[in-house]
Amino acid sequence: MPSANDENLEKLHQLRLEHSDLNHIIELLQEQPVVDQLQLRRLKKRKLLIKDIITRLESQLIPDLDA
């Protein structure tokens, strides 16, 4: 039975892949002479949301250190 940490690591891996894919798509779209600005904005928002989720998951994986 996978632990919560294992599940978070898998989720983190999937999110990083999606973030990377979105980054690639955004770069390709920006190279086009005519760009759908609304689509581009939505992709960038999604990418930012994924980055926030990644950051949150990473902070959950780091154990709290008592000072």
C-alpha atoms as a PDB file:
ATOM      1  CA  MET A   1       0.000   0.000   0.000  1.00  0.00           C
ATOM      2  CA  PRO A   2       1.580   3.317  -1.078  1.00  0.00           C
ATOM      3  CA  SER A   3       2.199   5.901   1.611  1.00  0.00           C
ATOM      4  CA  ALA A   4       1.058   9.518   1.467  1.00  0.00           C
ATOM      5  CA  ASN A   5       4.641  10.494   0.666  1.00  0.00           C
ATOM      6  CA  ASP A   6       4.720   8.078  -2.286  1.00  0.00           C
ATOM      7  CA  GLU A   7       1.433   9.480  -3.562  1.00  0.00           C
ATOM      8  CA  ASN A   8       2.729  13.056  -3.203  1.00  0.00           C
ATOM      9  CA  LEU A   9       5.935  12.156  -5.056  1.00  0.00           C
ATOM     10  CA  GLU A  10       3.931  10.642  -7.908  1.00  0.00           C
ATOM     11  CA  LYS A  11       1.619  13.672  -8.031  1.00  0.00           C
ATOM     12  CA  LEU A  12       4.682  15.940  -7.998  1.00  0.00           C
ATOM     13  CA  HIS A  13       6.187  14.034 -10.919  1.00  0.00           C
ATOM     14  CA  GLN A  14       2.961  14.322 -12.938  1.00  0.00           C
ATOM     15  CA  LEU A  15       2.644  18.042 -12.207  1.00  0.00           C
ATOM     16  CA  ARG A  16       6.244  18.705 -13.215  1.00  0.00           C
ATOM     17  CA  LEU A  17       5.616  16.930 -16.516  1.00  0.00           C
ATOM     18  CA  GLU A  18       2.476  18.959 -17.142  1.00  0.00           C
ATOM     19  CA  HIS A  19       4.314  22.177 -16.222  1.00  0.00           C
ATOM     20  CA  SER A  20       7.095  21.324 -18.650  1.00  0.00           C
ATOM     21  CA  ASP A  21       4.610  20.458 -21.411  1.00  0.00           C
ATOM     22  CA  LEU A  22       2.751  23.732 -20.896  1.00  0.00           C
ATOM     23  CA  ASN A  23       6.021  25.636 -21.014  1.00  0.00           C
ATOM     24  CA  HIS A  24       6.849  24.016 -24.338  1.00  0.00           C
ATOM     25  CA  ILE A  25       3.397  24.740 -25.789  1.00  0.00           C
ATOM     26  CA  ILE A  26       3.555  28.381 -24.650  1.00  0.00           C
ATOM     27  CA  GLU A  27       6.966  28.814 -26.265  1.00  0.00           C
ATOM     28  CA  LEU A  28       5.688  27.339 -29.534  1.00  0.00           C
ATOM     29  CA  LEU A  29       2.611  29.556 -29.519  1.00  0.00           C
ATOM     30  CA  GLN A  30       4.684  32.677 -28.893  1.00  0.00           C
ATOM     31  CA  GLU A  31       6.780  31.902 -31.966  1.00  0.00           C
ATOM     32  CA  GLN A  32       3.687  31.989 -34.180  1.00  0.00           C
ATOM     33  CA  PRO A  33       3.035  35.163 -36.188  1.00  0.00           C
ATOM     34  CA  VAL A  34      -0.606  35.244 -35.045  1.00  0.00           C
ATOM     35  CA  VAL A  35      -1.338  34.165 -31.483  1.00  0.00           C
ATOM     36  CA  ASP A  36      -4.645  33.671 -29.733  1.00  0.00           C
ATOM     37  CA  GLN A  37      -3.944  35.896 -26.737  1.00  0.00           C
ATOM     38  CA  LEU A  38      -6.812  34.456 -24.711  1.00  0.00           C
ATOM     39  CA  GLN A  39      -5.545  30.915 -25.176  1.00  0.00           C
ATOM     40  CA  LEU A  40      -2.014  32.016 -24.320  1.00  0.00           C
ATOM     41  CA  ARG A  41      -3.216  33.767 -21.162  1.00  0.00           C
ATOM     42  CA  ARG A  42      -5.165  30.681 -20.064  1.00  0.00           C
ATOM     43  CA  LEU A  43      -2.154  28.434 -20.613  1.00  0.00           C
ATOM     44  CA  LYS A  44       0.066  30.780 -18.621  1.00  0.00           C
ATOM     45  CA  LYS A  45      -2.478  30.879 -15.785  1.00  0.00           C
ATOM     46  CA  ARG A  46      -2.657  27.081 -15.750  1.00  0.00           C
ATOM     47  CA  LYS A  47       1.133  26.877 -15.705  1.00  0.00           C
ATOM     48  CA  LEU A  48       1.297  29.280 -12.757  1.00  0.00           C
ATOM     49  CA  LEU A  49      -1.375  27.324 -10.874  1.00  0.00           C
ATOM     50  CA  ILE A  50       0.572  24.103 -11.399  1.00  0.00           C
ATOM     51  CA  LYS A  51       3.755  25.785 -10.184  1.00  0.00           C
ATOM     52  CA  ASP A  52       1.943  26.870  -7.009  1.00  0.00           C
ATOM     53  CA  ILE A  53       0.697  23.320  -6.425  1.00  0.00           C
ATOM     54  CA  ILE A  54       4.214  21.952  -6.996  1.00  0.00           C
ATOM     55  CA  THR A  55       5.616  24.394  -4.446  1.00  0.00           C
ATOM     56  CA  ARG A  56       2.952  23.418  -1.919  1.00  0.00           C
ATOM     57  CA  LEU A  57       3.583  19.691  -2.396  1.00  0.00           C
ATOM     58  CA  GLU A  58       7.332  20.168  -2.119  1.00  0.00           C
ATOM     59  CA  SER A  59       6.906  22.019   1.167  1.00  0.00           C
ATOM     60  CA  GLN A  60       4.735  19.163   2.499  1.00  0.00           C
ATOM     61  CA  LEU A  61       7.483  16.675   1.676  1.00  0.00           C
ATOM     62  CA  ILE A  62      10.099  18.590   3.647  1.00  0.00           C
ATOM     63  CA  PRO A  63       9.929  17.592   7.306  1.00  0.00           C
ATOM     64  CA  ASP A  64       9.431  20.359   9.843  1.00  0.00           C
ATOM     65  CA  LEU A  65      12.599  21.106  11.776  1.00  0.00           C
ATOM     66  CA  ASP A  66      12.258  22.272  15.331  1.00  0.00           C
ATOM     67  CA  ALA A  67      14.701  25.098  15.915  1.00  0.00           C
END
